[in-house]
Amino acid sequence: MADPSAYTYPSPLAGWENAPPLLDEKAADGKSYANPQTGVLSKSYKEFTDPLDNGRRGGFDIHVYYFQKNPSQLQFARELWQRIRLEFPELRVYKFWEQPVGPHPIAMFEVNLFTPAQFGAFIPWLVINRGPLSALIHPNTVDPVTGEHNDERDHTQRATWMGERVLLDLSIFK
């Protein structure tokens, strides 16, 4: 994983400095806090937040890994790849690799997500249906000033894993 101290992080409250103070009132469940209702949903329900790519690359890549020399994982992965293509035809699903490629040290296939709705539908589905396989969920970010991508940070510090983490070969990003 990338060293978090290598990056800067804007305050999560940037843009909300003048918001009214939050109250300590509990919600109806008696445990969580009652949040002030504005009647307006966050724009993050409709589009990915900056600096995520809302364009051609899509906001998130999902890499589903399997051990290519393990016959049961190979079969499960191929069936999962087929099922995703059948159930989620609107998603971009790439080649079913039967050997390592790029920074990925074992075989995998990739799925791109373009909207928060796709993310909200596909990720819970994958949590339940990924079986014995691991999955890397990483954002595709774009620097708002330079337009450049930071693939290393997206694959490390900003990444999320389902199942066991697979050690990536980050030398490709150097």
Protein backbone atom coordinates (compact mmCIF):
# COMPACT_ATOMS: atom_id res chain seq x y z
CA MET A 1 0.00 0.00 0.00
CA ALA A 2 1.20 3.49 -0.74
CA ASP A 3 2.42 5.57 2.17
CA PRO A 4 -0.54 7.81 3.13
CA SER A 5 1.88 10.50 4.33
CA ALA A 6 3.07 10.87 0.71
CA TYR A 7 -0.18 12.64 -0.17
CA THR A 8 -2.07 15.73 0.90
CA TYR A 9 -5.72 15.61 1.88
CA PRO A 10 -8.11 18.55 1.73
CA SER A 11 -10.37 19.00 4.72
CA PRO A 12 -13.55 16.94 4.43
CA LEU A 13 -15.40 20.08 5.55
CA ALA A 14 -14.12 22.26 2.67
CA GLY A 15 -17.17 24.06 1.30
CA TRP A 16 -19.19 23.38 4.45
CA GLU A 17 -17.44 25.88 6.75
CA ASN A 18 -20.64 27.94 7.23
CA ALA A 19 -22.98 25.02 7.88
CA PRO A 20 -25.07 25.31 11.04
CA PRO A 21 -23.75 23.41 14.04
CA LEU A 22 -24.83 19.80 14.32
CA LEU A 23 -27.04 18.82 17.24
CA ASP A 24 -26.53 15.87 19.58
CA GLU A 25 -30.13 14.73 19.09
CA LYS A 26 -30.57 10.98 18.54
CA ALA A 27 -32.57 9.53 15.65
CA ALA A 28 -35.63 7.29 16.13
CA ASP A 29 -33.45 4.18 16.50
CA GLY A 30 -32.01 5.70 19.69
CA LYS A 31 -28.41 5.04 18.57
CA SER A 32 -27.58 7.09 15.50
CA TYR A 33 -27.68 10.87 15.27
CA ALA A 34 -30.49 12.86 13.69
CA ASN A 35 -29.07 14.68 10.70
CA PRO A 36 -30.40 18.04 9.53
CA GLN A 37 -32.61 17.48 6.47
CA THR A 38 -32.30 19.92 3.60
CA GLY A 39 -34.63 18.25 1.10
CA VAL A 40 -31.76 18.16 -1.42
CA LEU A 41 -29.78 15.00 -2.12
CA SER A 42 -26.02 15.14 -2.49
CA LYS A 43 -24.97 15.46 -6.14
CA SER A 44 -22.91 12.31 -5.49
CA TYR A 45 -26.09 10.29 -6.04
CA LYS A 46 -26.05 11.37 -9.72
CA GLU A 47 -22.36 11.73 -10.59
CA PHE A 48 -19.04 10.72 -9.12
CA THR A 49 -17.34 13.33 -6.97
CA ASP A 50 -14.23 15.11 -8.24
CA PRO A 51 -11.56 14.04 -9.03
CA LEU A 52 -13.22 10.80 -10.20
CA ASP A 53 -13.45 10.39 -13.97
CA ASN A 54 -17.05 10.89 -15.11
CA GLY A 55 -15.94 10.43 -18.71
CA ARG A 56 -14.72 7.68 -21.00
CA ARG A 57 -12.68 5.74 -18.42
CA GLY A 58 -15.48 5.63 -15.85
CA GLY A 59 -15.22 6.36 -12.15
CA PHE A 60 -14.17 2.91 -10.95
CA ASP A 61 -12.41 -0.22 -12.16
CA ILE A 62 -13.06 -3.57 -10.54
CA HIS A 63 -10.41 -6.27 -11.01
CA VAL A 64 -11.56 -9.78 -10.10
CA TYR A 65 -8.62 -12.12 -9.45
CA TYR A 66 -8.28 -15.88 -9.63
CA PHE A 67 -5.46 -18.42 -9.61
CA GLN A 68 -5.24 -19.41 -13.25
CA LYS A 69 -3.70 -22.83 -12.46
CA ASN A 70 -6.48 -23.72 -10.00
CA PRO A 71 -9.16 -25.47 -12.10
CA SER A 72 -12.04 -24.74 -9.72
CA GLN A 73 -11.15 -21.02 -9.47
CA LEU A 74 -10.67 -20.81 -13.22
CA GLN A 75 -14.13 -22.29 -13.80
CA PHE A 76 -15.76 -20.12 -11.13
CA ALA A 77 -14.10 -16.96 -12.50
CA ARG A 78 -15.17 -17.74 -16.07
CA GLU A 79 -18.75 -18.37 -14.94
CA LEU A 80 -18.76 -15.15 -12.88
CA TRP A 81 -17.43 -13.19 -15.88
CA GLN A 82 -20.23 -14.64 -18.03
CA ARG A 83 -22.87 -13.91 -15.40
CA ILE A 84 -21.75 -10.29 -15.05
CA ARG A 85 -21.97 -9.83 -18.83
CA LEU A 86 -25.48 -11.33 -18.83
CA GLU A 87 -26.86 -9.53 -15.77
CA PHE A 88 -25.09 -6.18 -16.19
CA PRO A 89 -24.87 -5.62 -19.99
CA GLU A 90 -24.55 -1.86 -19.47
CA LEU A 91 -21.17 -2.26 -17.78
CA ARG A 92 -17.90 -2.39 -19.68
CA VAL A 93 -16.43 -5.86 -19.15
CA TYR A 94 -12.96 -6.59 -20.50
CA LYS A 95 -11.09 -9.67 -21.65
CA PHE A 96 -10.93 -12.73 -19.43
CA TRP A 97 -7.17 -12.92 -18.90
CA GLU A 98 -5.75 -16.37 -18.24
CA GLN A 99 -2.31 -15.05 -17.27
CA PRO A 100 -0.97 -12.06 -15.34
CA VAL A 101 -1.15 -8.69 -17.11
CA GLY A 102 -0.04 -5.17 -16.17
CA PRO A 103 0.46 -4.72 -12.41
CA HIS A 104 -1.73 -7.76 -11.71
CA PRO A 105 0.42 -10.78 -10.66
CA ILE A 106 -2.30 -13.38 -11.25
CA ALA A 107 -5.08 -13.75 -13.80
CA MET A 108 -8.07 -11.42 -13.62
CA PHE A 109 -10.83 -9.70 -15.51
CA GLU A 110 -11.89 -6.06 -15.27
CA VAL A 111 -15.24 -4.30 -15.05
CA ASN A 112 -15.72 -0.50 -15.37
CA LEU A 113 -18.42 1.45 -13.52
CA PHE A 114 -19.59 4.79 -14.93
CA THR A 115 -22.26 6.03 -12.51
CA PRO A 116 -22.99 5.97 -8.79
CA ALA A 117 -26.10 3.91 -9.61
CA GLN A 118 -23.97 1.25 -11.32
CA PHE A 119 -21.60 1.26 -8.36
CA GLY A 120 -24.50 0.96 -5.91
CA ALA A 121 -25.99 -1.97 -7.80
CA PHE A 122 -22.85 -3.88 -8.80
CA ILE A 123 -20.67 -3.70 -5.67
CA PRO A 124 -23.26 -5.25 -3.27
CA TRP A 125 -24.01 -7.87 -5.94
CA LEU A 126 -20.29 -8.69 -6.22
CA VAL A 127 -19.90 -8.90 -2.42
CA ILE A 128 -22.42 -11.75 -2.42
CA ASN A 129 -21.49 -13.43 -5.72
CA ARG A 130 -17.67 -13.25 -5.91
CA GLY A 131 -17.31 -16.62 -4.17
CA PRO A 132 -13.67 -17.51 -3.40
CA LEU A 133 -12.25 -14.71 -5.55
CA SER A 134 -10.67 -11.43 -4.49
CA ALA A 135 -11.54 -8.10 -6.08
CA LEU A 136 -9.73 -4.78 -6.23
CA ILE A 137 -12.00 -1.74 -6.42
CA HIS A 138 -10.06 1.34 -7.44
CA PRO A 139 -11.08 4.79 -8.58
CA ASN A 140 -10.00 6.41 -11.82
CA THR A 141 -9.05 9.92 -10.84
CA VAL A 142 -8.12 12.87 -13.03
CA ASP A 143 -6.05 15.77 -11.76
CA PRO A 144 -8.34 18.80 -12.25
CA VAL A 145 -5.38 21.05 -13.15
CA THR A 146 -3.18 18.84 -15.35
CA GLY A 147 -5.74 16.30 -16.59
CA GLU A 148 -3.29 13.53 -15.70
CA HIS A 149 -4.21 10.21 -14.07
CA ASN A 150 -2.56 8.94 -10.90
CA ASP A 151 -2.78 5.20 -11.51
CA GLU A 152 -0.36 4.25 -8.74
CA ARG A 153 -2.31 6.11 -6.06
CA ASP A 154 -5.62 4.84 -7.46
CA HIS A 155 -4.37 1.22 -7.27
CA THR A 156 -2.93 1.64 -3.76
CA GLN A 157 -3.85 4.42 -1.33
CA ARG A 158 -7.33 4.95 -2.78
CA ALA A 159 -8.08 1.25 -3.42
CA THR A 160 -10.51 -1.01 -1.58
CA TRP A 161 -10.34 -4.80 -1.47
CA MET A 162 -12.88 -7.58 -1.23
CA GLY A 163 -11.36 -10.83 -0.02
CA GLU A 164 -7.63 -11.27 0.25
CA ARG A 165 -5.39 -8.46 -0.99
CA VAL A 166 -3.27 -9.37 -4.00
CA LEU A 167 0.21 -7.83 -3.99
CA LEU A 168 0.46 -5.74 -7.16
CA ASP A 169 3.62 -5.12 -9.17
CA LEU A 170 3.73 -1.34 -8.88
CA SER A 171 6.93 -1.00 -10.94
CA ILE A 172 4.71 -0.53 -14.00
CA PHE A 173 3.69 2.87 -12.61
CA LYS A 174 7.24 4.16 -12.16
